[in-house]
Amino acid sequence: MARPERRQREFLRREEEILDAALSLCACSDFESVRVDQIAERSDVGKGTVYKHFSSKDDLLFRLYMRFYRGLLEEMRARAGDRAGDPIEQLRFIFHHAFDYHVKYRDYRYVIEYVERNDFKERAEASWREDFLSLDRAFLEWGGPIIEAGMQRGDFPERRLEDVLTGVRACFSGALRMLWATDDWCVSCELDSDKIVASATEFMIMGITGGLRTGV
């Protein structure tokens, strides 16, 4: 019994090493030119070993994307604290921490932008879509009750949760692109990252509360 378990641990360890190698090579603007054999060489395995773990380079990049956002969800669950508190302050903490996480793990930038492209989604395997939707539901099941609690308390106007989240996602995505942009391509990026995060966070809070109360 111990031998199969050990082999499984080694398989998973090697898989993480391949993902780490791929990330180190793809953390730059020309990541699309990176080949599977280069990833194999960086992770000190054969090209065939890479294909034992991943069906394609796109599969590998998608798995990096999922690793990033599973890590974010795990950190949120661990650090968001007691949900019995003020929903506005909980959301403010969540938004700030989510931005900080994206800045801290900036090496994932190009992978995230690639996987979120429409052409990637159009050719994605059905199982990838199911994995993505499963993770999306996990975020909703974790964060949705905070917004619903705010509605019940009268802190937020009554609206469909889906409508609220659509606005939050749009604002967060736009602010994230500003954080990741260079000065040459973003006029507002003359602001430092802390000011961008603070402005976007308060804008989202105002959108959710309808301007009822922000605490600032």
N, C-alpha and C. Protein backbone atom coordinates (compact mmCIF):
# COMPACT_ATOMS: atom_id res chain seq x y z
N MET A 1 0.83 -1.21 0.00
CA MET A 1 0.00 0.00 0.00
C MET A 1 0.86 1.27 0.00
N ALA A 2 1.98 1.22 0.74
CA ALA A 2 2.81 2.41 0.86
C ALA A 2 3.45 2.80 -0.47
N ARG A 3 3.82 1.79 -1.28
CA ARG A 3 4.51 2.08 -2.53
C ARG A 3 3.65 2.88 -3.50
N PRO A 4 2.38 2.49 -3.76
CA PRO A 4 1.54 3.31 -4.64
C PRO A 4 1.35 4.73 -4.10
N GLU A 5 1.22 4.87 -2.78
CA GLU A 5 1.04 6.19 -2.21
C GLU A 5 2.29 7.04 -2.43
N ARG A 6 3.45 6.41 -2.27
CA ARG A 6 4.69 7.14 -2.48
C ARG A 6 4.82 7.55 -3.95
N ARG A 7 4.46 6.65 -4.84
CA ARG A 7 4.52 6.99 -6.28
C ARG A 7 3.59 8.15 -6.59
N GLN A 8 2.41 8.15 -5.96
CA GLN A 8 1.46 9.24 -6.20
C GLN A 8 2.02 10.56 -5.69
N ARG A 9 2.65 10.53 -4.51
CA ARG A 9 3.26 11.76 -3.99
C ARG A 9 4.36 12.26 -4.91
N GLU A 10 5.16 11.34 -5.42
CA GLU A 10 6.24 11.73 -6.33
C GLU A 10 5.68 12.28 -7.63
N PHE A 11 4.59 11.68 -8.10
CA PHE A 11 3.94 12.15 -9.33
C PHE A 11 3.46 13.59 -9.14
N LEU A 12 2.80 13.85 -8.00
CA LEU A 12 2.29 15.19 -7.74
C LEU A 12 3.42 16.19 -7.52
N ARG A 13 4.49 15.75 -6.85
CA ARG A 13 5.63 16.64 -6.65
C ARG A 13 6.25 17.03 -7.99
N ARG A 14 6.40 16.04 -8.86
CA ARG A 14 6.98 16.31 -10.17
C ARG A 14 6.07 17.25 -10.97
N GLU A 15 4.80 17.05 -10.85
CA GLU A 15 3.85 17.91 -11.55
C GLU A 15 4.00 19.36 -11.10
N GLU A 16 4.14 19.57 -9.79
CA GLU A 16 4.34 20.93 -9.28
C GLU A 16 5.65 21.52 -9.79
N GLU A 17 6.67 20.69 -9.88
CA GLU A 17 7.96 21.17 -10.40
C GLU A 17 7.85 21.58 -11.86
N ILE A 18 7.06 20.84 -12.62
CA ILE A 18 6.85 21.21 -14.03
C ILE A 18 6.08 22.53 -14.12
N LEU A 19 5.07 22.69 -13.28
CA LEU A 19 4.32 23.94 -13.25
C LEU A 19 5.22 25.11 -12.87
N ASP A 20 6.07 24.90 -11.87
CA ASP A 20 7.00 25.96 -11.46
C ASP A 20 7.94 26.34 -12.61
N ALA A 21 8.44 25.33 -13.32
CA ALA A 21 9.34 25.59 -14.44
C ALA A 21 8.62 26.36 -15.53
N ALA A 22 7.39 25.96 -15.83
CA ALA A 22 6.62 26.66 -16.86
C ALA A 22 6.37 28.11 -16.47
N LEU A 23 6.05 28.34 -15.21
CA LEU A 23 5.81 29.71 -14.77
C LEU A 23 7.06 30.56 -14.89
N SER A 24 8.20 30.00 -14.55
CA SER A 24 9.45 30.76 -14.63
C SER A 24 9.77 31.16 -16.06
N LEU A 25 9.37 30.34 -17.02
CA LEU A 25 9.63 30.64 -18.43
C LEU A 25 8.55 31.55 -19.04
N CYS A 26 7.35 31.50 -18.47
CA CYS A 26 6.22 32.22 -19.07
C CYS A 26 5.91 33.54 -18.37
N ALA A 27 6.77 33.96 -17.47
CA ALA A 27 6.55 35.22 -16.76
C ALA A 27 7.14 36.39 -17.54
N CYS A 28 6.93 36.38 -18.86
CA CYS A 28 7.46 37.45 -19.71
C CYS A 28 6.54 37.58 -20.92
N SER A 29 6.69 38.70 -21.63
CA SER A 29 5.75 39.01 -22.71
C SER A 29 5.83 38.06 -23.90
N ASP A 30 6.97 37.38 -24.10
CA ASP A 30 7.09 36.46 -25.23
C ASP A 30 6.85 35.01 -24.81
N PHE A 31 6.03 34.83 -23.77
CA PHE A 31 5.78 33.48 -23.23
C PHE A 31 5.20 32.53 -24.27
N GLU A 32 4.50 33.06 -25.29
CA GLU A 32 3.87 32.18 -26.26
C GLU A 32 4.90 31.44 -27.11
N SER A 33 6.13 31.94 -27.13
CA SER A 33 7.18 31.27 -27.89
C SER A 33 7.83 30.13 -27.10
N VAL A 34 7.50 30.02 -25.82
CA VAL A 34 8.09 28.96 -25.00
C VAL A 34 7.57 27.60 -25.47
N ARG A 35 8.47 26.64 -25.62
CA ARG A 35 8.11 25.31 -26.10
C ARG A 35 8.08 24.31 -24.95
N VAL A 36 7.37 23.23 -25.18
CA VAL A 36 7.25 22.19 -24.16
C VAL A 36 8.62 21.59 -23.84
N ASP A 37 9.47 21.43 -24.84
CA ASP A 37 10.80 20.87 -24.57
C ASP A 37 11.64 21.79 -23.69
N GLN A 38 11.42 23.10 -23.79
CA GLN A 38 12.11 24.03 -22.91
C GLN A 38 11.62 23.91 -21.47
N ILE A 39 10.32 23.71 -21.33
CA ILE A 39 9.75 23.50 -20.00
C ILE A 39 10.30 22.21 -19.40
N ALA A 40 10.40 21.17 -20.22
CA ALA A 40 10.94 19.89 -19.75
C ALA A 40 12.38 20.06 -19.30
N GLU A 41 13.16 20.78 -20.09
CA GLU A 41 14.57 20.99 -19.74
C GLU A 41 14.70 21.78 -18.44
N ARG A 42 13.86 22.82 -18.26
CA ARG A 42 13.93 23.63 -17.05
C ARG A 42 13.54 22.82 -15.81
N SER A 43 12.61 21.87 -15.98
CA SER A 43 12.17 21.05 -14.84
C SER A 43 12.97 19.77 -14.70
N ASP A 44 13.98 19.59 -15.56
CA ASP A 44 14.90 18.45 -15.50
C ASP A 44 14.18 17.11 -15.68
N VAL A 45 13.25 17.09 -16.64
CA VAL A 45 12.57 15.85 -17.00
C VAL A 45 12.54 15.75 -18.52
N GLY A 46 12.15 14.59 -19.02
CA GLY A 46 12.00 14.44 -20.46
C GLY A 46 10.71 15.06 -20.95
N LYS A 47 10.67 15.36 -22.23
CA LYS A 47 9.46 15.94 -22.83
C LYS A 47 8.28 15.00 -22.65
N GLY A 48 8.53 13.68 -22.76
CA GLY A 48 7.45 12.71 -22.59
C GLY A 48 6.85 12.76 -21.20
N THR A 49 7.69 13.06 -20.20
CA THR A 49 7.18 13.16 -18.82
C THR A 49 6.20 14.32 -18.68
N VAL A 50 6.52 15.43 -19.35
CA VAL A 50 5.59 16.57 -19.31
C VAL A 50 4.22 16.15 -19.83
N TYR A 51 4.23 15.37 -20.94
CA TYR A 51 2.96 14.97 -21.53
C TYR A 51 2.24 13.89 -20.72
N LYS A 52 2.94 13.26 -19.78
CA LYS A 52 2.24 12.35 -18.86
C LYS A 52 1.37 13.13 -17.88
N HIS A 53 1.74 14.36 -17.65
CA HIS A 53 1.03 15.21 -16.69
C HIS A 53 0.05 16.17 -17.36
N PHE A 54 0.40 16.62 -18.57
CA PHE A 54 -0.39 17.64 -19.25
C PHE A 54 -0.56 17.26 -20.72
N SER A 55 -1.76 17.43 -21.22
CA SER A 55 -2.03 17.01 -22.59
C SER A 55 -1.43 17.96 -23.63
N SER A 56 -1.16 19.20 -23.23
CA SER A 56 -0.65 20.21 -24.16
C SER A 56 -0.09 21.38 -23.36
N LYS A 57 0.55 22.30 -24.06
CA LYS A 57 1.02 23.52 -23.39
C LYS A 57 -0.17 24.32 -22.87
N ASP A 58 -1.25 24.37 -23.62
CA ASP A 58 -2.44 25.08 -23.15
C ASP A 58 -2.98 24.45 -21.87
N ASP A 59 -2.97 23.14 -21.80
CA ASP A 59 -3.41 22.45 -20.58
C ASP A 59 -2.54 22.87 -19.41
N LEU A 60 -1.24 22.93 -19.62
CA LEU A 60 -0.30 23.31 -18.58
C LEU A 60 -0.58 24.75 -18.11
N LEU A 61 -0.79 25.65 -19.05
CA LEU A 61 -1.04 27.05 -18.69
C LEU A 61 -2.38 27.19 -17.97
N PHE A 62 -3.36 26.41 -18.40
CA PHE A 62 -4.65 26.46 -17.70
C PHE A 62 -4.50 25.97 -16.26
N ARG A 63 -3.70 24.95 -16.07
CA ARG A 63 -3.49 24.43 -14.71
C ARG A 63 -2.75 25.45 -13.85
N LEU A 64 -1.84 26.21 -14.43
CA LEU A 64 -1.21 27.31 -13.69
C LEU A 64 -2.25 28.35 -13.27
N TYR A 65 -3.13 28.67 -14.19
CA TYR A 65 -4.21 29.62 -13.92
C TYR A 65 -5.06 29.15 -12.75
N MET A 66 -5.42 27.88 -12.78
CA MET A 66 -6.25 27.33 -11.72
C MET A 66 -5.49 27.28 -10.39
N ARG A 67 -4.21 26.98 -10.43
CA ARG A 67 -3.40 26.96 -9.21
C ARG A 67 -3.38 28.35 -8.57
N PHE A 68 -3.25 29.37 -9.42
CA PHE A 68 -3.22 30.74 -8.92
C PHE A 68 -4.52 31.07 -8.17
N TYR A 69 -5.66 30.80 -8.80
CA TYR A 69 -6.92 31.21 -8.19
C TYR A 69 -7.37 30.28 -7.06
N ARG A 70 -6.97 29.03 -7.09
CA ARG A 70 -7.22 28.18 -5.92
C ARG A 70 -6.42 28.69 -4.72
N GLY A 71 -5.19 29.14 -4.99
CA GLY A 71 -4.38 29.71 -3.93
C GLY A 71 -5.01 30.96 -3.34
N LEU A 72 -5.58 31.81 -4.20
CA LEU A 72 -6.27 33.01 -3.72
C LEU A 72 -7.45 32.64 -2.84
N LEU A 73 -8.26 31.68 -3.28
CA LEU A 73 -9.42 31.28 -2.50
C LEU A 73 -9.00 30.71 -1.14
N GLU A 74 -7.96 29.90 -1.13
CA GLU A 74 -7.48 29.33 0.13
C GLU A 74 -7.03 30.43 1.09
N GLU A 75 -6.31 31.43 0.57
CA GLU A 75 -5.87 32.53 1.42
C GLU A 75 -7.04 33.33 1.94
N MET A 76 -8.03 33.57 1.09
CA MET A 76 -9.21 34.32 1.51
C MET A 76 -9.93 33.59 2.65
N ARG A 77 -10.12 32.31 2.47
CA ARG A 77 -10.80 31.53 3.50
C ARG A 77 -10.04 31.57 4.82
N ALA A 78 -8.72 31.56 4.72
CA ALA A 78 -7.89 31.52 5.93
C ALA A 78 -7.81 32.88 6.62
N ARG A 79 -7.93 33.97 5.86
CA ARG A 79 -7.63 35.28 6.42
C ARG A 79 -8.82 36.21 6.57
N ALA A 80 -9.96 35.88 5.97
CA ALA A 80 -11.09 36.83 5.98
C ALA A 80 -11.74 36.95 7.34
N GLY A 81 -11.55 35.94 8.22
CA GLY A 81 -12.05 36.06 9.58
C GLY A 81 -13.53 35.76 9.72
N ASP A 82 -14.08 36.19 10.80
CA ASP A 82 -15.45 35.89 11.18
C ASP A 82 -16.43 36.65 10.30
N ARG A 83 -17.36 35.93 9.68
CA ARG A 83 -18.33 36.58 8.80
C ARG A 83 -19.45 37.27 9.56
N ALA A 84 -19.46 37.14 10.86
CA ALA A 84 -20.50 37.81 11.64
C ALA A 84 -20.23 39.31 11.77
N GLY A 85 -19.06 39.77 11.29
CA GLY A 85 -18.71 41.18 11.39
C GLY A 85 -19.39 42.04 10.34
N ASP A 86 -18.92 43.26 10.23
CA ASP A 86 -19.48 44.24 9.30
C ASP A 86 -19.21 43.80 7.86
N PRO A 87 -20.26 43.57 7.06
CA PRO A 87 -20.05 43.12 5.67
C PRO A 87 -19.24 44.11 4.83
N ILE A 88 -19.39 45.40 5.10
CA ILE A 88 -18.63 46.38 4.32
C ILE A 88 -17.15 46.25 4.60
N GLU A 89 -16.79 46.12 5.87
CA GLU A 89 -15.37 45.97 6.22
C GLU A 89 -14.83 44.63 5.73
N GLN A 90 -15.65 43.60 5.74
CA GLN A 90 -15.21 42.31 5.20
C GLN A 90 -14.90 42.43 3.72
N LEU A 91 -15.79 43.10 2.98
CA LEU A 91 -15.56 43.27 1.54
C LEU A 91 -14.36 44.15 1.27
N ARG A 92 -14.19 45.19 2.07
CA ARG A 92 -13.02 46.05 1.89
C ARG A 92 -11.73 45.25 2.07
N PHE A 93 -11.71 44.40 3.09
CA PHE A 93 -10.54 43.56 3.31
C PHE A 93 -10.33 42.60 2.14
N ILE A 94 -11.41 41.98 1.67
CA ILE A 94 -11.31 41.02 0.58
C ILE A 94 -10.76 41.67 -0.68
N PHE A 95 -11.28 42.84 -1.04
CA PHE A 95 -10.82 43.51 -2.25
C PHE A 95 -9.34 43.88 -2.14
N HIS A 96 -8.97 44.45 -1.00
CA HIS A 96 -7.57 44.83 -0.80
C HIS A 96 -6.67 43.60 -0.90
N HIS A 97 -7.06 42.53 -0.22
CA HIS A 97 -6.20 41.35 -0.21
C HIS A 97 -6.12 40.72 -1.60
N ALA A 98 -7.22 40.71 -2.33
CA ALA A 98 -7.21 40.13 -3.68
C ALA A 98 -6.27 40.91 -4.61
N PHE A 99 -6.31 42.23 -4.51
CA PHE A 99 -5.38 43.04 -5.30
C PHE A 99 -3.93 42.76 -4.88
N ASP A 100 -3.70 42.73 -3.58
CA ASP A 100 -2.33 42.48 -3.08
C ASP A 100 -1.80 41.13 -3.56
N TYR A 101 -2.68 40.14 -3.58
CA TYR A 101 -2.30 38.80 -4.02
C TYR A 101 -1.87 38.82 -5.49
N HIS A 102 -2.62 39.53 -6.31
CA HIS A 102 -2.27 39.62 -7.74
C HIS A 102 -0.94 40.36 -7.94
N VAL A 103 -0.68 41.36 -7.12
CA VAL A 103 0.58 42.09 -7.23
C VAL A 103 1.73 41.22 -6.74
N LYS A 104 1.51 40.52 -5.63
CA LYS A 104 2.56 39.67 -5.05
C LYS A 104 2.97 38.57 -6.02
N TYR A 105 1.99 37.97 -6.69
CA TYR A 105 2.27 36.88 -7.63
C TYR A 105 2.15 37.37 -9.07
N ARG A 106 2.78 38.48 -9.33
CA ARG A 106 2.73 39.12 -10.64
C ARG A 106 3.28 38.22 -11.75
N ASP A 107 4.13 37.24 -11.40
CA ASP A 107 4.68 36.34 -12.42
C ASP A 107 3.59 35.61 -13.20
N TYR A 108 2.40 35.50 -12.63
CA TYR A 108 1.29 34.82 -13.31
C TYR A 108 0.59 35.72 -14.32
N ARG A 109 0.98 36.97 -14.38
CA ARG A 109 0.25 37.95 -15.18
C ARG A 109 -0.06 37.48 -16.59
N TYR A 110 0.98 37.08 -17.34
CA TYR A 110 0.78 36.74 -18.75
C TYR A 110 -0.02 35.46 -18.92
N VAL A 111 0.14 34.53 -18.01
CA VAL A 111 -0.65 33.30 -18.06
C VAL A 111 -2.13 33.62 -17.85
N ILE A 112 -2.43 34.46 -16.87
CA ILE A 112 -3.82 34.82 -16.58
C ILE A 112 -4.45 35.54 -17.76
N GLU A 113 -3.73 36.50 -18.31
CA GLU A 113 -4.28 37.24 -19.45
C GLU A 113 -4.49 36.33 -20.66
N TYR A 114 -3.61 35.36 -20.84
CA TYR A 114 -3.72 34.43 -21.97
C TYR A 114 -4.93 33.52 -21.80
N VAL A 115 -5.09 32.94 -20.63
CA VAL A 115 -6.19 32.00 -20.40
C VAL A 115 -7.54 32.71 -20.46
N GLU A 116 -7.58 34.00 -20.15
CA GLU A 116 -8.84 34.73 -20.18
C GLU A 116 -9.19 35.28 -21.55
N ARG A 117 -8.32 35.06 -22.54
CA ARG A 117 -8.62 35.49 -23.89
C ARG A 117 -9.76 34.66 -24.49
N ASN A 118 -10.55 35.29 -25.33
CA ASN A 118 -11.68 34.59 -25.94
C ASN A 118 -11.23 33.41 -26.81
N ASP A 119 -10.12 33.59 -27.55
CA ASP A 119 -9.70 32.50 -28.43
C ASP A 119 -9.25 31.28 -27.62
N PHE A 120 -8.69 31.51 -26.44
CA PHE A 120 -8.33 30.37 -25.59
C PHE A 120 -9.59 29.65 -25.13
N LYS A 121 -10.58 30.40 -24.70
CA LYS A 121 -11.82 29.79 -24.19
C LYS A 121 -12.54 29.02 -25.30
N GLU A 122 -12.46 29.53 -26.52
CA GLU A 122 -13.16 28.88 -27.63
C GLU A 122 -12.58 27.51 -27.95
N ARG A 123 -11.28 27.33 -27.75
CA ARG A 123 -10.69 26.03 -28.06
C ARG A 123 -10.44 25.17 -26.81
N ALA A 124 -10.83 25.67 -25.65
CA ALA A 124 -10.59 24.95 -24.40
C ALA A 124 -11.36 23.63 -24.37
N GLU A 125 -10.79 22.64 -23.73
CA GLU A 125 -11.46 21.37 -23.56
C GLU A 125 -12.63 21.52 -22.59
N ALA A 126 -13.64 20.68 -22.76
CA ALA A 126 -14.84 20.78 -21.93
C ALA A 126 -14.50 20.61 -20.44
N SER A 127 -13.53 19.75 -20.14
CA SER A 127 -13.18 19.51 -18.74
C SER A 127 -12.57 20.75 -18.11
N TRP A 128 -11.87 21.57 -18.92
CA TRP A 128 -11.29 22.79 -18.37
C TRP A 128 -12.40 23.76 -17.98
N ARG A 129 -13.40 23.84 -18.83
CA ARG A 129 -14.53 24.73 -18.53
C ARG A 129 -15.21 24.30 -17.25
N GLU A 130 -15.39 23.00 -17.08
CA GLU A 130 -16.03 22.51 -15.87
C GLU A 130 -15.19 22.81 -14.64
N ASP A 131 -13.88 22.67 -14.75
CA ASP A 131 -12.98 23.00 -13.64
C ASP A 131 -13.09 24.48 -13.28
N PHE A 132 -13.12 25.31 -14.31
CA PHE A 132 -13.21 26.75 -14.08
C PHE A 132 -14.53 27.11 -13.41
N LEU A 133 -15.63 26.55 -13.92
CA LEU A 133 -16.94 26.86 -13.35
C LEU A 133 -17.05 26.36 -11.92
N SER A 134 -16.43 25.22 -11.63
CA SER A 134 -16.44 24.69 -10.27
C SER A 134 -15.73 25.65 -9.31
N LEU A 135 -14.59 26.18 -9.74
CA LEU A 135 -13.87 27.13 -8.91
C LEU A 135 -14.64 28.44 -8.78
N ASP A 136 -15.27 28.87 -9.85
CA ASP A 136 -16.08 30.08 -9.82
C ASP A 136 -17.22 29.93 -8.81
N ARG A 137 -17.85 28.76 -8.81
CA ARG A 137 -18.92 28.51 -7.84
C ARG A 137 -18.39 28.51 -6.41
N ALA A 138 -17.17 28.01 -6.22
CA ALA A 138 -16.57 27.99 -4.88
C ALA A 138 -16.37 29.42 -4.37
N PHE A 139 -15.91 30.32 -5.25
CA PHE A 139 -15.78 31.72 -4.86
C PHE A 139 -17.14 32.31 -4.51
N LEU A 140 -18.15 31.99 -5.32
CA LEU A 140 -19.50 32.52 -5.09
C LEU A 140 -20.07 32.01 -3.77
N GLU A 141 -19.90 30.72 -3.51
CA GLU A 141 -20.42 30.14 -2.27
C GLU A 141 -19.73 30.70 -1.04
N TRP A 142 -18.48 31.11 -1.21
CA TRP A 142 -17.74 31.69 -0.09
C TRP A 142 -18.07 33.18 0.10
N GLY A 143 -18.06 33.95 -0.99
CA GLY A 143 -18.24 35.39 -0.87
C GLY A 143 -19.67 35.88 -0.96
N GLY A 144 -20.54 35.10 -1.64
CA GLY A 144 -21.92 35.53 -1.81
C GLY A 144 -22.64 35.81 -0.50
N PRO A 145 -22.50 34.96 0.52
CA PRO A 145 -23.19 35.21 1.79
C PRO A 145 -22.81 36.53 2.46
N ILE A 146 -21.62 37.03 2.20
CA ILE A 146 -21.22 38.31 2.79
C ILE A 146 -22.07 39.44 2.20
N ILE A 147 -22.24 39.41 0.87
CA ILE A 147 -23.08 40.43 0.22
C ILE A 147 -24.54 40.27 0.64
N GLU A 148 -25.02 39.04 0.71
CA GLU A 148 -26.40 38.80 1.12
C GLU A 148 -26.64 39.26 2.55
N ALA A 149 -25.63 39.07 3.43
CA ALA A 149 -25.76 39.54 4.81
C ALA A 149 -25.87 41.06 4.85
N GLY A 150 -25.11 41.74 3.97
CA GLY A 150 -25.20 43.19 3.90
C GLY A 150 -26.56 43.66 3.45
N MET A 151 -27.19 42.93 2.53
CA MET A 151 -28.55 43.26 2.10
C MET A 151 -29.53 43.08 3.24
N GLN A 152 -29.39 42.00 3.99
CA GLN A 152 -30.30 41.73 5.10
C GLN A 152 -30.18 42.78 6.20
N ARG A 153 -28.97 43.28 6.40
CA ARG A 153 -28.74 44.31 7.42
C ARG A 153 -29.18 45.70 6.96
N GLY A 154 -29.44 45.85 5.68
CA GLY A 154 -29.80 47.15 5.14
C GLY A 154 -28.60 47.98 4.74
N ASP A 155 -27.39 47.37 4.77
CA ASP A 155 -26.19 48.09 4.35
C ASP A 155 -26.13 48.23 2.84
N PHE A 156 -26.69 47.24 2.13
CA PHE A 156 -26.69 47.24 0.67
C PHE A 156 -28.13 47.22 0.18
N PRO A 157 -28.43 47.90 -0.93
CA PRO A 157 -29.77 47.80 -1.51
C PRO A 157 -30.01 46.38 -2.03
N GLU A 158 -31.26 45.96 -2.01
CA GLU A 158 -31.62 44.63 -2.48
C GLU A 158 -31.48 44.55 -4.00
N ARG A 159 -30.63 43.66 -4.43
CA ARG A 159 -30.41 43.42 -5.86
C ARG A 159 -30.07 41.96 -6.06
N ARG A 160 -30.17 41.52 -7.32
CA ARG A 160 -29.72 40.15 -7.60
C ARG A 160 -28.23 40.05 -7.37
N LEU A 161 -27.82 38.98 -6.71
CA LEU A 161 -26.41 38.79 -6.42
C LEU A 161 -25.58 38.77 -7.70
N GLU A 162 -26.12 38.16 -8.77
CA GLU A 162 -25.40 38.08 -10.04
C GLU A 162 -25.11 39.47 -10.61
N ASP A 163 -26.07 40.39 -10.44
CA ASP A 163 -25.88 41.75 -10.95
C ASP A 163 -24.77 42.47 -10.18
N VAL A 164 -24.76 42.29 -8.87
CA VAL A 164 -23.72 42.91 -8.05
C VAL A 164 -22.34 42.39 -8.45
N LEU A 165 -22.23 41.07 -8.60
CA LEU A 165 -20.94 40.46 -8.91
C LEU A 165 -20.44 40.84 -10.30
N THR A 166 -21.36 41.05 -11.24
CA THR A 166 -20.94 41.47 -12.58
C THR A 166 -20.22 42.81 -12.53
N GLY A 167 -20.78 43.75 -11.77
CA GLY A 167 -20.12 45.05 -11.62
C GLY A 167 -18.79 44.96 -10.91
N VAL A 168 -18.74 44.15 -9.85
CA VAL A 168 -17.50 43.99 -9.09
C VAL A 168 -16.40 43.39 -9.98
N ARG A 169 -16.75 42.37 -10.74
CA ARG A 169 -15.76 41.72 -11.60
C ARG A 169 -15.23 42.67 -12.66
N ALA A 170 -16.13 43.46 -13.24
CA ALA A 170 -15.70 44.41 -14.28
C ALA A 170 -14.75 45.44 -13.71
N CYS A 171 -15.07 45.99 -12.54
CA CYS A 171 -14.22 47.00 -11.92
C CYS A 171 -12.89 46.39 -11.49
N PHE A 172 -12.94 45.23 -10.89
CA PHE A 172 -11.70 44.59 -10.42
C PHE A 172 -10.78 44.28 -11.59
N SER A 173 -11.35 43.75 -12.66
CA SER A 173 -10.55 43.41 -13.83
C SER A 173 -9.88 44.65 -14.42
N GLY A 174 -10.62 45.75 -14.52
CA GLY A 174 -10.04 46.98 -15.06
C GLY A 174 -8.93 47.53 -14.18
N ALA A 175 -9.15 47.51 -12.87
CA ALA A 175 -8.13 48.01 -11.94
C ALA A 175 -6.89 47.13 -11.98
N LEU A 176 -7.11 45.84 -12.12
CA LEU A 176 -5.97 44.92 -12.18
C LEU A 176 -5.10 45.19 -13.40
N ARG A 177 -5.73 45.49 -14.53
CA ARG A 177 -4.96 45.80 -15.73
C ARG A 177 -4.13 47.07 -15.52
N MET A 178 -4.68 48.03 -14.77
CA MET A 178 -3.93 49.24 -14.46
C MET A 178 -2.72 48.92 -13.57
N LEU A 179 -2.91 48.04 -12.60
CA LEU A 179 -1.81 47.65 -11.72
C LEU A 179 -0.71 46.95 -12.49
N TRP A 180 -1.10 46.17 -13.48
CA TRP A 180 -0.13 45.40 -14.25
C TRP A 180 0.47 46.16 -15.42
N ALA A 181 -0.12 47.32 -15.76
CA ALA A 181 0.35 48.08 -16.92
C ALA A 181 1.64 48.83 -16.58
N THR A 182 2.34 49.24 -17.61
CA THR A 182 3.50 50.10 -17.42
C THR A 182 3.08 51.56 -17.56
N ASP A 183 3.92 52.47 -17.12
CA ASP A 183 3.59 53.90 -17.21
C ASP A 183 3.32 54.35 -18.63
N ASP A 184 3.99 53.72 -19.60
CA ASP A 184 3.84 54.15 -20.99
C ASP A 184 2.46 53.84 -21.55
N TRP A 185 1.78 52.89 -20.93
CA TRP A 185 0.50 52.44 -21.49
C TRP A 185 -0.69 52.74 -20.59
N CYS A 186 -0.46 53.44 -19.50
CA CYS A 186 -1.57 53.73 -18.58
C CYS A 186 -1.33 55.09 -17.95
N VAL A 187 -2.10 56.11 -18.39
CA VAL A 187 -1.92 57.47 -17.88
C VAL A 187 -2.10 57.50 -16.36
N SER A 188 -3.11 56.75 -15.87
CA SER A 188 -3.40 56.76 -14.44
C SER A 188 -2.36 56.02 -13.62
N CYS A 189 -1.46 55.30 -14.30
CA CYS A 189 -0.45 54.53 -13.57
C CYS A 189 0.64 55.41 -13.01
N GLU A 190 0.50 56.75 -13.19
CA GLU A 190 1.39 57.65 -12.46
C GLU A 190 1.05 57.57 -10.97
N LEU A 191 -0.15 57.08 -10.66
CA LEU A 191 -0.51 56.78 -9.28
C LEU A 191 0.22 55.53 -8.85
N ASP A 192 0.59 55.45 -7.57
CA ASP A 192 1.23 54.23 -7.13
C ASP A 192 0.16 53.15 -6.91
N SER A 193 0.62 51.92 -6.75
CA SER A 193 -0.31 50.80 -6.69
C SER A 193 -1.25 50.91 -5.50
N ASP A 194 -0.78 51.44 -4.38
CA ASP A 194 -1.64 51.57 -3.20
C ASP A 194 -2.83 52.49 -3.48
N LYS A 195 -2.58 53.57 -4.22
CA LYS A 195 -3.67 54.50 -4.53
C LYS A 195 -4.66 53.89 -5.52
N ILE A 196 -4.15 53.12 -6.47
CA ILE A 196 -5.06 52.45 -7.41
C ILE A 196 -5.94 51.46 -6.67
N VAL A 197 -5.34 50.68 -5.78
CA VAL A 197 -6.10 49.69 -5.00
C VAL A 197 -7.14 50.39 -4.13
N ALA A 198 -6.74 51.47 -3.46
CA ALA A 198 -7.68 52.18 -2.59
C ALA A 198 -8.83 52.77 -3.39
N SER A 199 -8.54 53.38 -4.53
CA SER A 199 -9.58 53.99 -5.35
C SER A 199 -10.55 52.95 -5.89
N ALA A 200 -10.00 51.83 -6.41
CA ALA A 200 -10.87 50.79 -6.96
C ALA A 200 -11.71 50.13 -5.87
N THR A 201 -11.10 49.91 -4.71
CA THR A 201 -11.83 49.29 -3.61
C THR A 201 -13.01 50.15 -3.19
N GLU A 202 -12.77 51.43 -2.99
CA GLU A 202 -13.87 52.30 -2.55
C GLU A 202 -14.92 52.46 -3.64
N PHE A 203 -14.50 52.44 -4.91
CA PHE A 203 -15.46 52.51 -6.00
C PHE A 203 -16.38 51.29 -5.99
N MET A 204 -15.79 50.11 -5.76
CA MET A 204 -16.62 48.89 -5.70
C MET A 204 -17.53 48.91 -4.48
N ILE A 205 -17.03 49.38 -3.36
CA ILE A 205 -17.87 49.47 -2.15
C ILE A 205 -19.04 50.42 -2.40
N MET A 206 -18.77 51.54 -3.03
CA MET A 206 -19.85 52.49 -3.35
C MET A 206 -20.87 51.86 -4.29
N GLY A 207 -20.37 51.07 -5.26
CA GLY A 207 -21.30 50.42 -6.18
C GLY A 207 -22.18 49.41 -5.49
N ILE A 208 -21.62 48.68 -4.53
CA ILE A 208 -22.40 47.66 -3.82
C ILE A 208 -23.39 48.29 -2.84
N THR A 209 -22.94 49.33 -2.14
CA THR A 209 -23.81 49.96 -1.14
C THR A 209 -24.79 50.93 -1.76
N GLY A 210 -24.57 51.29 -3.00
CA GLY A 210 -25.41 52.32 -3.60
C GLY A 210 -25.19 53.67 -2.96
N GLY A 211 -24.01 53.85 -2.31
CA GLY A 211 -23.69 55.11 -1.65
C GLY A 211 -24.36 55.26 -0.30
N LEU A 212 -24.94 54.16 0.23
CA LEU A 212 -25.64 54.26 1.51
C LEU A 212 -24.69 54.52 2.66
N ARG A 213 -23.55 53.78 2.68
CA ARG A 213 -22.58 53.95 3.75
C ARG A 213 -21.27 53.33 3.31
N THR A 214 -20.19 54.04 3.47
CA THR A 214 -18.89 53.51 3.10
C THR A 214 -17.91 53.48 4.26
N GLY A 215 -18.15 54.25 5.29
CA GLY A 215 -17.25 54.25 6.41
C GLY A 215 -16.00 55.07 6.18
N VAL A 216 -15.99 55.89 5.11
CA VAL A 216 -14.83 56.75 4.85
C VAL A 216 -15.28 58.19 4.74
